[in-house]
């Protein structure tokens, strides 16, 4: 490999992302609809689910770097009525899960 090619490979930007999961609890009496609409305005939130238990939502963040993760967390803290219970960085995804077509669509409860 030529020195020029090696330098080009070293100088090329590395495509990487930082993923995190935030668990959010809304204040008692806080309506969920405005919060859910607000979530759509944050591009770094790649998915959100409403859950039962000690939190109301789990959000998956997909950010360019740790600074963006910090910025999104600050925005979430500034959203009235939302409390961040915890944030965890995603270390790796387990391969082979979610690829079973029969499990993609679960039956709706009656």
PDB file of N, CA and C in Angstrom:
ATOM      1  N   UNK A   1       0.853  -1.171   0.000  1.00  0.00           N
ATOM      2  CA  UNK A   1       0.000   0.000   0.000  1.00  0.00           C
ATOM      3  C   UNK A   1       0.897   1.231   0.000  1.00  0.00           C
ATOM      4  N   UNK A   2       0.529   2.168  -0.851  1.00  0.00           N
ATOM      5  CA  UNK A   2       1.341   3.374  -0.944  1.00  0.00           C
ATOM      6  C   UNK A   2       1.139   4.248   0.292  1.00  0.00           C
ATOM      7  N   UNK A   3       2.099   5.105   0.558  1.00  0.00           N
ATOM      8  CA  UNK A   3       2.005   6.025   1.699  1.00  0.00           C
ATOM      9  C   UNK A   3       0.807   6.951   1.534  1.00  0.00           C
ATOM     10  N   UNK A   4       0.533   7.382   0.288  1.00  0.00           N
ATOM     11  CA  UNK A   4      -0.595   8.272   0.039  1.00  0.00           C
ATOM     12  C   UNK A   4      -1.910   7.564   0.372  1.00  0.00           C
ATOM     13  N   UNK A   5      -2.042   6.290  -0.033  1.00  0.00           N
ATOM     14  CA  UNK A   5      -3.275   5.527   0.245  1.00  0.00           C
ATOM     15  C   UNK A   5      -3.438   5.302   1.748  1.00  0.00           C
ATOM     16  N   UNK A   6      -2.347   4.966   2.433  1.00  0.00           N
ATOM     17  CA  UNK A   6      -2.405   4.754   3.884  1.00  0.00           C
ATOM     18  C   UNK A   6      -2.825   6.028   4.590  1.00  0.00           C
ATOM     19  N   UNK A   7      -2.284   7.172   4.170  1.00  0.00           N
ATOM     20  CA  UNK A   7      -2.654   8.447   4.778  1.00  0.00           C
ATOM     21  C   UNK A   7      -4.131   8.751   4.525  1.00  0.00           C
ATOM     22  N   UNK A   8      -4.607   8.476   3.312  1.00  0.00           N
ATOM     23  CA  UNK A   8      -6.007   8.733   2.991  1.00  0.00           C
ATOM     24  C   UNK A   8      -6.931   7.906   3.880  1.00  0.00           C
ATOM     25  N   UNK A   9      -6.563   6.664   4.144  1.00  0.00           N
ATOM     26  CA  UNK A   9      -7.381   5.828   5.016  1.00  0.00           C
ATOM     27  C   UNK A   9      -7.379   6.342   6.442  1.00  0.00           C
ATOM     28  N   UNK A  10      -6.235   6.798   6.908  1.00  0.00           N
ATOM     29  CA  UNK A  10      -6.146   7.331   8.267  1.00  0.00           C
ATOM     30  C   UNK A  10      -6.894   8.651   8.406  1.00  0.00           C
ATOM     31  N   UNK A  11      -6.892   9.470   7.369  1.00  0.00           N
ATOM     32  CA  UNK A  11      -7.511  10.784   7.429  1.00  0.00           C
ATOM     33  C   UNK A  11      -9.013  10.743   7.188  1.00  0.00           C
ATOM     34  N   UNK A  12      -9.522   9.636   6.657  1.00  0.00           N
ATOM     35  CA  UNK A  12     -10.951   9.550   6.351  1.00  0.00           C
ATOM     36  C   UNK A  12     -11.759   9.570   7.639  1.00  0.00           C
ATOM     37  N   UNK A  13     -12.893  10.283   7.627  1.00  0.00           N
ATOM     38  CA  UNK A  13     -13.717  10.311   8.827  1.00  0.00           C
ATOM     39  C   UNK A  13     -14.303   8.930   9.116  1.00  0.00           C
ATOM     40  N   UNK A  14     -14.338   8.580  10.360  1.00  0.00           N
ATOM     41  CA  UNK A  14     -14.887   7.299  10.772  1.00  0.00           C
ATOM     42  C   UNK A  14     -16.377   7.486  11.026  1.00  0.00           C
ATOM     43  N   UNK A  15     -17.177   6.665  10.365  1.00  0.00           N
ATOM     44  CA  UNK A  15     -18.621   6.711  10.575  1.00  0.00           C
ATOM     45  C   UNK A  15     -18.922   5.992  11.880  1.00  0.00           C
ATOM     46  N   UNK A  16     -19.248   6.746  12.899  1.00  0.00           N
ATOM     47  CA  UNK A  16     -19.588   6.119  14.163  1.00  0.00           C
ATOM     48  C   UNK A  16     -20.722   6.886  14.806  1.00  0.00           C
ATOM     49  N   UNK A  17     -21.422   6.206  15.646  1.00  0.00           N
ATOM     50  CA  UNK A  17     -22.497   6.840  16.380  1.00  0.00           C
ATOM     51  C   UNK A  17     -22.406   6.415  17.839  1.00  0.00           C
ATOM     52  N   UNK A  18     -23.017   7.210  18.665  1.00  0.00           N
ATOM     53  CA  UNK A  18     -23.143   6.888  20.077  1.00  0.00           C
ATOM     54  C   UNK A  18     -24.625   6.666  20.317  1.00  0.00           C
ATOM     55  N   UNK A  19     -24.974   5.496  20.810  1.00  0.00           N
ATOM     56  CA  UNK A  19     -26.374   5.202  21.089  1.00  0.00           C
ATOM     57  C   UNK A  19     -26.569   5.126  22.588  1.00  0.00           C
ATOM     58  N   UNK A  20     -27.744   5.571  23.022  1.00  0.00           N
ATOM     59  CA  UNK A  20     -28.073   5.556  24.443  1.00  0.00           C
ATOM     60  C   UNK A  20     -29.557   5.258  24.605  1.00  0.00           C
ATOM     61  N   UNK A  21     -29.906   4.796  25.775  1.00  0.00           N
ATOM     62  CA  UNK A  21     -31.299   4.564  26.128  1.00  0.00           C
ATOM     63  C   UNK A  21     -31.614   5.439  27.333  1.00  0.00           C
ATOM     64  N   UNK A  22     -32.649   6.267  27.198  1.00  0.00           N
ATOM     65  CA  UNK A  22     -33.099   7.131  28.298  1.00  0.00           C
ATOM     66  C   UNK A  22     -34.442   6.632  28.800  1.00  0.00           C
ATOM     67  N   UNK A  23     -34.560   6.552  30.086  1.00  0.00           N
ATOM     68  CA  UNK A  23     -35.828   6.179  30.704  1.00  0.00           C
ATOM     69  C   UNK A  23     -36.429   7.432  31.323  1.00  0.00           C
ATOM     70  N   UNK A  24     -37.657   7.716  30.936  1.00  0.00           N
ATOM     71  CA  UNK A  24     -38.318   8.975  31.292  1.00  0.00           C
ATOM     72  C   UNK A  24     -39.573   8.704  32.113  1.00  0.00           C
ATOM     73  N   UNK A  25     -39.772   9.518  33.133  1.00  0.00           N
ATOM     74  CA  UNK A  25     -41.011   9.490  33.903  1.00  0.00           C
ATOM     75  C   UNK A  25     -41.658  10.863  33.781  1.00  0.00           C
ATOM     76  N   UNK A  26     -42.939  10.874  33.458  1.00  0.00           N
ATOM     77  CA  UNK A  26     -43.671  12.130  33.410  1.00  0.00           C
ATOM     78  C   UNK A  26     -44.200  12.460  34.802  1.00  0.00           C
ATOM     79  N   UNK A  27     -44.341  13.744  35.082  1.00  0.00           N
ATOM     80  CA  UNK A  27     -44.905  14.188  36.361  1.00  0.00           C
ATOM     81  C   UNK A  27     -46.348  13.706  36.462  1.00  0.00           C
ATOM     82  N   UNK A  28     -46.814  13.406  37.678  1.00  0.00           N
ATOM     83  CA  UNK A  28     -48.208  12.982  37.837  1.00  0.00           C
ATOM     84  C   UNK A  28     -49.162  14.020  37.232  1.00  0.00           C
ATOM     85  N   UNK A  29     -50.127  13.540  36.489  1.00  0.00           N
ATOM     86  CA  UNK A  29     -51.093  14.430  35.865  1.00  0.00           C
ATOM     87  C   UNK A  29     -50.631  15.055  34.562  1.00  0.00           C
ATOM     88  N   UNK A  30     -49.379  14.846  34.198  1.00  0.00           N
ATOM     89  CA  UNK A  30     -48.838  15.391  32.949  1.00  0.00           C
ATOM     90  C   UNK A  30     -49.412  14.590  31.776  1.00  0.00           C
ATOM     91  N   UNK A  31     -50.092  15.233  30.837  1.00  0.00           N
ATOM     92  CA  UNK A  31     -50.640  14.476  29.699  1.00  0.00           C
ATOM     93  C   UNK A  31     -49.517  13.962  28.792  1.00  0.00           C
ATOM     94  N   UNK A  32     -49.725  12.774  28.245  1.00  0.00           N
ATOM     95  CA  UNK A  32     -48.684  12.157  27.419  1.00  0.00           C
ATOM     96  C   UNK A  32     -48.649  12.699  25.994  1.00  0.00           C
ATOM     97  N   UNK A  33     -49.787  13.141  25.455  1.00  0.00           N
ATOM     98  CA  UNK A  33     -49.846  13.550  24.043  1.00  0.00           C
ATOM     99  C   UNK A  33     -48.890  14.695  23.703  1.00  0.00           C
ATOM    100  N   UNK A  34     -48.859  15.788  24.493  1.00  0.00           N
ATOM    101  CA  UNK A  34     -47.905  16.856  24.141  1.00  0.00           C
ATOM    102  C   UNK A  34     -46.451  16.381  24.200  1.00  0.00           C
ATOM    103  N   UNK A  35     -46.128  15.547  25.184  1.00  0.00           N
ATOM    104  CA  UNK A  35     -44.767  15.031  25.300  1.00  0.00           C
ATOM    105  C   UNK A  35     -44.422  14.178  24.090  1.00  0.00           C
ATOM    106  N   UNK A  36     -45.335  13.319  23.666  1.00  0.00           N
ATOM    107  CA  UNK A  36     -45.079  12.453  22.516  1.00  0.00           C
ATOM    108  C   UNK A  36     -44.926  13.266  21.231  1.00  0.00           C
ATOM    109  N   UNK A  37     -45.698  14.318  21.077  1.00  0.00           N
ATOM    110  CA  UNK A  37     -45.533  15.204  19.895  1.00  0.00           C
ATOM    111  C   UNK A  37     -44.176  15.891  19.953  1.00  0.00           C
ATOM    112  N   UNK A  38     -43.776  16.326  21.148  1.00  0.00           N
ATOM    113  CA  UNK A  38     -42.490  17.009  21.312  1.00  0.00           C
ATOM    114  C   UNK A  38     -41.339  16.070  20.940  1.00  0.00           C
ATOM    115  N   UNK A  39     -41.453  14.778  21.279  1.00  0.00           N
ATOM    116  CA  UNK A  39     -40.393  13.817  20.964  1.00  0.00           C
ATOM    117  C   UNK A  39     -40.077  13.801  19.469  1.00  0.00           C
ATOM    118  N   UNK A  40     -41.103  13.978  18.658  1.00  0.00           N
ATOM    119  CA  UNK A  40     -40.912  13.951  17.201  1.00  0.00           C
ATOM    120  C   UNK A  40     -40.037  15.100  16.715  1.00  0.00           C
ATOM    121  N   UNK A  41     -39.869  16.135  17.532  1.00  0.00           N
ATOM    122  CA  UNK A  41     -39.052  17.286  17.125  1.00  0.00           C
ATOM    123  C   UNK A  41     -37.568  17.100  17.426  1.00  0.00           C
ATOM    124  N   UNK A  42     -37.200  15.983  18.026  1.00  0.00           N
ATOM    125  CA  UNK A  42     -35.801  15.729  18.384  1.00  0.00           C
ATOM    126  C   UNK A  42     -35.260  14.640  17.452  1.00  0.00           C
ATOM    127  N   UNK A  43     -34.497  15.015  16.428  1.00  0.00           N
ATOM    128  CA  UNK A  43     -34.046  14.048  15.422  1.00  0.00           C
ATOM    129  C   UNK A  43     -33.195  12.914  15.985  1.00  0.00           C
ATOM    130  N   UNK A  44     -32.502  13.135  17.074  1.00  0.00           N
ATOM    131  CA  UNK A  44     -31.622  12.104  17.629  1.00  0.00           C
ATOM    132  C   UNK A  44     -32.391  10.981  18.312  1.00  0.00           C
ATOM    133  N   UNK A  45     -33.685  11.163  18.546  1.00  0.00           N
ATOM    134  CA  UNK A  45     -34.487  10.093  19.142  1.00  0.00           C
ATOM    135  C   UNK A  45     -34.922   9.167  18.014  1.00  0.00           C
ATOM    136  N   UNK A  46     -34.328   7.970  17.993  1.00  0.00           N
ATOM    137  CA  UNK A  46     -34.615   7.050  16.887  1.00  0.00           C
ATOM    138  C   UNK A  46     -35.837   6.191  17.152  1.00  0.00           C
ATOM    139  N   UNK A  47     -36.190   5.991  18.422  1.00  0.00           N
ATOM    140  CA  UNK A  47     -37.412   5.270  18.750  1.00  0.00           C
ATOM    141  C   UNK A  47     -37.821   5.600  20.175  1.00  0.00           C
ATOM    142  N   UNK A  48     -39.093   5.403  20.436  1.00  0.00           N
ATOM    143  CA  UNK A  48     -39.629   5.621  21.775  1.00  0.00           C
ATOM    144  C   UNK A  48     -40.759   4.641  22.005  1.00  0.00           C
ATOM    145  N   UNK A  49     -40.809   4.095  23.201  1.00  0.00           N
ATOM    146  CA  UNK A  49     -41.903   3.210  23.565  1.00  0.00           C
ATOM    147  C   UNK A  49     -42.474   3.662  24.902  1.00  0.00           C
ATOM    148  N   UNK A  50     -43.783   3.559  25.004  1.00  0.00           N
ATOM    149  CA  UNK A  50     -44.490   3.828  26.255  1.00  0.00           C
ATOM    150  C   UNK A  50     -44.548   2.498  26.998  1.00  0.00           C
ATOM    151  N   UNK A  51     -44.103   2.488  28.259  1.00  0.00           N
ATOM    152  CA  UNK A  51     -43.986   1.240  29.000  1.00  0.00           C
ATOM    153  C   UNK A  51     -44.694   1.333  30.351  1.00  0.00           C
ATOM    154  N   UNK A  52     -44.900   0.187  30.974  1.00  0.00           N
ATOM    155  CA  UNK A  52     -45.419   0.154  32.329  1.00  0.00           C
ATOM    156  C   UNK A  52     -44.244   0.010  33.287  1.00  0.00           C
ATOM    157  N   UNK A  53     -44.494   0.259  34.554  1.00  0.00           N
ATOM    158  CA  UNK A  53     -43.436   0.107  35.552  1.00  0.00           C
ATOM    159  C   UNK A  53     -43.092   1.437  36.181  1.00  0.00           C
ATOM    160  N   UNK A  54     -41.847   1.575  36.612  1.00  0.00           N
ATOM    161  CA  UNK A  54     -41.442   2.785  37.321  1.00  0.00           C
ATOM    162  C   UNK A  54     -41.073   3.945  36.398  1.00  0.00           C
ATOM    163  N   UNK A  55     -41.094   3.721  35.098  1.00  0.00           N
ATOM    164  CA  UNK A  55     -40.912   4.807  34.126  1.00  0.00           C
ATOM    165  C   UNK A  55     -42.067   4.757  33.136  1.00  0.00           C
ATOM    166  N   UNK A  56     -42.244   5.850  32.392  1.00  0.00           N
ATOM    167  CA  UNK A  56     -43.322   5.919  31.403  1.00  0.00           C
ATOM    168  C   UNK A  56     -42.840   5.656  29.982  1.00  0.00           C
ATOM    169  N   UNK A  57     -41.586   6.025  29.693  1.00  0.00           N
ATOM    170  CA  UNK A  57     -41.059   5.904  28.330  1.00  0.00           C
ATOM    171  C   UNK A  57     -39.627   5.413  28.354  1.00  0.00           C
ATOM    172  N   UNK A  58     -39.268   4.667  27.308  1.00  0.00           N
ATOM    173  CA  UNK A  58     -37.875   4.367  27.013  1.00  0.00           C
ATOM    174  C   UNK A  58     -37.592   4.925  25.631  1.00  0.00           C
ATOM    175  N   UNK A  59     -36.565   5.750  25.562  1.00  0.00           N
ATOM    176  CA  UNK A  59     -36.178   6.395  24.306  1.00  0.00           C
ATOM    177  C   UNK A  59     -34.836   5.831  23.861  1.00  0.00           C
ATOM    178  N   UNK A  60     -34.696   5.609  22.569  1.00  0.00           N
ATOM    179  CA  UNK A  60     -33.399   5.200  22.014  1.00  0.00           C
ATOM    180  C   UNK A  60     -32.828   6.391  21.276  1.00  0.00           C
ATOM    181  N   UNK A  61     -31.650   6.810  21.686  1.00  0.00           N
ATOM    182  CA  UNK A  61     -30.966   7.939  21.055  1.00  0.00           C
ATOM    183  C   UNK A  61     -29.881   7.415  20.125  1.00  0.00           C
ATOM    184  N   UNK A  62     -29.748   8.055  18.989  1.00  0.00           N
ATOM    185  CA  UNK A  62     -28.689   7.736  18.042  1.00  0.00           C
ATOM    186  C   UNK A  62     -28.012   9.065  17.702  1.00  0.00           C
ATOM    187  N   UNK A  63     -26.836   9.287  18.280  1.00  0.00           N
ATOM    188  CA  UNK A  63     -26.164  10.585  18.185  1.00  0.00           C
ATOM    189  C   UNK A  63     -24.813  10.458  17.487  1.00  0.00           C
ATOM    190  N   UNK A  64     -24.312  11.582  17.014  1.00  0.00           N
ATOM    191  CA  UNK A  64     -23.010  11.596  16.336  1.00  0.00           C
ATOM    192  C   UNK A  64     -21.855  11.441  17.318  1.00  0.00           C
ATOM    193  N   UNK A  65     -22.012  11.972  18.545  1.00  0.00           N
ATOM    194  CA  UNK A  65     -20.936  11.930  19.521  1.00  0.00           C
ATOM    195  C   UNK A  65     -21.509  12.145  20.921  1.00  0.00           C
ATOM    196  N   UNK A  66     -20.642  12.125  21.917  1.00  0.00           N
ATOM    197  CA  UNK A  66     -21.086  12.281  23.301  1.00  0.00           C
ATOM    198  C   UNK A  66     -21.639  13.677  23.568  1.00  0.00           C
ATOM    199  N   UNK A  67     -21.143  14.665  22.863  1.00  0.00           N
ATOM    200  CA  UNK A  67     -21.662  16.029  23.025  1.00  0.00           C
ATOM    201  C   UNK A  67     -23.126  16.087  22.624  1.00  0.00           C
ATOM    202  N   UNK A  68     -23.476  15.423  21.528  1.00  0.00           N
ATOM    203  CA  UNK A  68     -24.871  15.409  21.101  1.00  0.00           C
ATOM    204  C   UNK A  68     -25.748  14.653  22.104  1.00  0.00           C
ATOM    205  N   UNK A  69     -25.230  13.561  22.667  1.00  0.00           N
ATOM    206  CA  UNK A  69     -25.983  12.843  23.707  1.00  0.00           C
ATOM    207  C   UNK A  69     -26.269  13.797  24.865  1.00  0.00           C
ATOM    208  N   UNK A  70     -25.260  14.527  25.284  1.00  0.00           N
ATOM    209  CA  UNK A  70     -25.419  15.495  26.374  1.00  0.00           C
ATOM    210  C   UNK A  70     -26.436  16.571  26.018  1.00  0.00           C
ATOM    211  N   UNK A  71     -26.397  17.056  24.791  1.00  0.00           N
ATOM    212  CA  UNK A  71     -27.352  18.079  24.342  1.00  0.00           C
ATOM    213  C   UNK A  71     -28.790  17.553  24.361  1.00  0.00           C
ATOM    214  N   UNK A  72     -28.980  16.325  23.903  1.00  0.00           N
ATOM    215  CA  UNK A  72     -30.328  15.744  23.892  1.00  0.00           C
ATOM    216  C   UNK A  72     -30.825  15.562  25.326  1.00  0.00           C
ATOM    217  N   UNK A  73     -29.963  15.106  26.209  1.00  0.00           N
ATOM    218  CA  UNK A  73     -30.351  14.944  27.609  1.00  0.00           C
ATOM    219  C   UNK A  73     -30.739  16.292  28.207  1.00  0.00           C
ATOM    220  N   UNK A  74     -29.996  17.334  27.877  1.00  0.00           N
ATOM    221  CA  UNK A  74     -30.344  18.681  28.368  1.00  0.00           C
ATOM    222  C   UNK A  74     -31.714  19.112  27.843  1.00  0.00           C
ATOM    223  N   UNK A  75     -31.997  18.829  26.574  1.00  0.00           N
ATOM    224  CA  UNK A  75     -33.321  19.156  26.015  1.00  0.00           C
ATOM    225  C   UNK A  75     -34.420  18.389  26.726  1.00  0.00           C
ATOM    226  N   UNK A  76     -34.162  17.112  27.015  1.00  0.00           N
ATOM    227  CA  UNK A  76     -35.155  16.306  27.716  1.00  0.00           C
ATOM    228  C   UNK A  76     -35.405  16.849  29.125  1.00  0.00           C
ATOM    229  N   UNK A  77     -34.340  17.268  29.801  1.00  0.00           N
ATOM    230  CA  UNK A  77     -34.496  17.843  31.142  1.00  0.00           C
ATOM    231  C   UNK A  77     -35.279  19.145  31.091  1.00  0.00           C
ATOM    232  N   UNK A  78     -35.166  19.882  29.996  1.00  0.00           N
ATOM    233  CA  UNK A  78     -35.866  21.153  29.854  1.00  0.00           C
ATOM    234  C   UNK A  78     -37.317  21.003  29.432  1.00  0.00           C
ATOM    235  N   UNK A  79     -37.713  19.795  29.090  1.00  0.00           N
ATOM    236  CA  UNK A  79     -39.096  19.560  28.672  1.00  0.00           C
ATOM    237  C   UNK A  79     -39.956  19.482  29.928  1.00  0.00           C
ATOM    238  N   UNK A  80     -40.890  20.397  30.055  1.00  0.00           N
ATOM    239  CA  UNK A  80     -41.720  20.485  31.253  1.00  0.00           C
ATOM    240  C   UNK A  80     -42.427  19.190  31.582  1.00  0.00           C
ATOM    241  N   UNK A  81     -42.331  18.777  32.834  1.00  0.00           N
ATOM    242  CA  UNK A  81     -43.038  17.591  33.285  1.00  0.00           C
ATOM    243  C   UNK A  81     -42.321  16.286  33.067  1.00  0.00           C
ATOM    244  N   UNK A  82     -41.164  16.293  32.408  1.00  0.00           N
ATOM    245  CA  UNK A  82     -40.426  15.052  32.156  1.00  0.00           C
ATOM    246  C   UNK A  82     -39.216  14.976  33.079  1.00  0.00           C
ATOM    247  N   UNK A  83     -39.032  13.823  33.672  1.00  0.00           N
ATOM    248  CA  UNK A  83     -37.886  13.589  34.542  1.00  0.00           C
ATOM    249  C   UNK A  83     -37.099  12.423  33.976  1.00  0.00           C
ATOM    250  N   UNK A  84     -35.804  12.618  33.768  1.00  0.00           N
ATOM    251  CA  UNK A  84     -34.956  11.525  33.299  1.00  0.00           C
ATOM    252  C   UNK A  84     -34.622  10.663  34.503  1.00  0.00           C
ATOM    253  N   UNK A  85     -35.028   9.425  34.440  1.00  0.00           N
ATOM    254  CA  UNK A  85     -34.770   8.506  35.537  1.00  0.00           C
ATOM    255  C   UNK A  85     -33.378   7.914  35.398  1.00  0.00           C
ATOM    256  N   UNK A  86     -33.032   7.529  34.164  1.00  0.00           N
ATOM    257  CA  UNK A  86     -31.695   6.996  33.930  1.00  0.00           C
ATOM    258  C   UNK A  86     -31.349   7.073  32.451  1.00  0.00           C
ATOM    259  N   UNK A  87     -30.050   7.065  32.187  1.00  0.00           N
ATOM    260  CA  UNK A  87     -29.530   7.021  30.822  1.00  0.00           C
ATOM    261  C   UNK A  87     -28.416   5.988  30.794  1.00  0.00           C
ATOM    262  N   UNK A  88     -28.444   5.131  29.795  1.00  0.00           N
ATOM    263  CA  UNK A  88     -27.411   4.108  29.639  1.00  0.00           C
ATOM    264  C   UNK A  88     -26.867   4.160  28.225  1.00  0.00           C
ATOM    265  N   UNK A  89     -25.560   4.037  28.086  1.00  0.00           N
ATOM    266  CA  UNK A  89     -24.959   3.940  26.758  1.00  0.00           C
ATOM    267  C   UNK A  89     -25.119   2.522  26.241  1.00  0.00           C
ATOM    268  N   UNK A  90     -25.408   2.394  24.957  1.00  0.00           N
ATOM    269  CA  UNK A  90     -25.515   1.087  24.324  1.00  0.00           C
ATOM    270  C   UNK A  90     -24.101   0.654  23.948  1.00  0.00           C
ATOM    271  N   UNK A  91     -23.666  -0.480  24.456  1.00  0.00           N
ATOM    272  CA  UNK A  91     -22.322  -0.981  24.165  1.00  0.00           C
ATOM    273  C   UNK A  91     -22.279  -1.750  22.852  1.00  0.00           C
ATOM    274  N   UNK A  92     -23.269  -2.609  22.651  1.00  0.00           N
ATOM    275  CA  UNK A  92     -23.347  -3.370  21.411  1.00  0.00           C
ATOM    276  C   UNK A  92     -24.743  -3.951  21.296  1.00  0.00           C
ATOM    277  N   UNK A  93     -25.110  -4.295  20.081  1.00  0.00           N
ATOM    278  CA  UNK A  93     -26.402  -4.918  19.824  1.00  0.00           C
ATOM    279  C   UNK A  93     -26.178  -6.409  19.615  1.00  0.00           C
ATOM    280  N   UNK A  94     -27.092  -7.208  20.120  1.00  0.00           N
ATOM    281  CA  UNK A  94     -26.982  -8.660  20.008  1.00  0.00           C
ATOM    282  C   UNK A  94     -27.492  -9.077  18.632  1.00  0.00           C
ATOM    283  N   UNK A  95     -26.655  -9.720  17.852  1.00  0.00           N
ATOM    284  CA  UNK A  95     -27.008 -10.107  16.487  1.00  0.00           C
ATOM    285  C   UNK A  95     -28.031 -11.237  16.476  1.00  0.00           C
ATOM    286  N   UNK A  96     -28.863 -11.247  15.432  1.00  0.00           N
ATOM    287  CA  UNK A  96     -29.786 -12.343  15.204  1.00  0.00           C
ATOM    288  C   UNK A  96     -31.138 -12.212  15.877  1.00  0.00           C
ATOM    289  N   UNK A  97     -31.347 -11.186  16.663  1.00  0.00           N
ATOM    290  CA  UNK A  97     -32.634 -10.999  17.327  1.00  0.00           C
ATOM    291  C   UNK A  97     -33.539 -10.135  16.459  1.00  0.00           C
ATOM    292  N   UNK A  98     -34.824 -10.362  16.539  1.00  0.00           N
ATOM    293  CA  UNK A  98     -35.770  -9.563  15.775  1.00  0.00           C
ATOM    294  C   UNK A  98     -35.843  -9.926  14.313  1.00  0.00           C
ATOM    295  N   UNK A  99     -35.247 -11.037  13.939  1.00  0.00           N
ATOM    296  CA  UNK A  99     -35.240 -11.445  12.538  1.00  0.00           C
ATOM    297  C   UNK A  99     -36.245 -12.542  12.238  1.00  0.00           C
ATOM    298  N   UNK A 100     -37.051 -12.913  13.217  1.00  0.00           N
ATOM    299  CA  UNK A 100     -38.045 -13.962  13.020  1.00  0.00           C
ATOM    300  C   UNK A 100     -39.350 -13.330  12.567  1.00  0.00           C
ATOM    301  N   UNK A 101     -39.737 -13.541  11.302  1.00  0.00           N
ATOM    302  CA  UNK A 101     -40.930 -12.890  10.770  1.00  0.00           C
ATOM    303  C   UNK A 101     -42.187 -13.171  11.583  1.00  0.00           C
ATOM    304  N   UNK A 102     -42.302 -14.382  12.139  1.00  0.00           N
ATOM    305  CA  UNK A 102     -43.513 -14.713  12.884  1.00  0.00           C
ATOM    306  C   UNK A 102     -43.638 -13.907  14.178  1.00  0.00           C
ATOM    307  N   UNK A 103     -42.546 -13.314  14.656  1.00  0.00           N
ATOM    308  CA  UNK A 103     -42.591 -12.531  15.887  1.00  0.00           C
ATOM    309  C   UNK A 103     -42.688 -11.029  15.633  1.00  0.00           C
ATOM    310  N   UNK A 104     -42.606 -10.617  14.391  1.00  0.00           N
ATOM    311  CA  UNK A 104     -42.648  -9.190  14.082  1.00  0.00           C
ATOM    312  C   UNK A 104     -43.994  -8.559  14.396  1.00  0.00           C
ATOM    313  N   UNK A 105     -45.038  -9.322  14.206  1.00  0.00           N
ATOM    314  CA  UNK A 105     -46.366  -8.778  14.455  1.00  0.00           C
ATOM    315  C   UNK A 105     -47.048  -9.641  15.510  1.00  0.00           C
ATOM    316  N   UNK A 106     -47.083  -9.140  16.711  1.00  0.00           N
ATOM    317  CA  UNK A 106     -47.731  -9.850  17.802  1.00  0.00           C
ATOM    318  C   UNK A 106     -49.230  -9.592  17.738  1.00  0.00           C
ATOM    319  N   UNK A 107     -50.026 -10.554  18.174  1.00  0.00           N
ATOM    320  CA  UNK A 107     -51.484 -10.344  18.154  1.00  0.00           C
ATOM    321  C   UNK A 107     -51.879  -9.226  19.109  1.00  0.00           C
ATOM    322  N   UNK A 108     -52.880  -8.463  18.713  1.00  0.00           N
ATOM    323  CA  UNK A 108     -53.385  -7.379  19.572  1.00  0.00           C
ATOM    324  C   UNK A 108     -54.268  -7.969  20.660  1.00  0.00           C
ATOM    325  N   UNK A 109     -54.146  -7.429  21.889  1.00  0.00           N
ATOM    326  CA  UNK A 109     -55.030  -7.894  22.948  1.00  0.00           C
ATOM    327  C   UNK A 109     -56.471  -7.498  22.652  1.00  0.00           C
ATOM    328  N   UNK A 110     -57.403  -8.303  23.076  1.00  0.00           N
ATOM    329  CA  UNK A 110     -58.829  -8.009  22.839  1.00  0.00           C
ATOM    330  C   UNK A 110     -59.455  -7.330  24.009  1.00  0.00           C
TER     331      UNK A 110
END
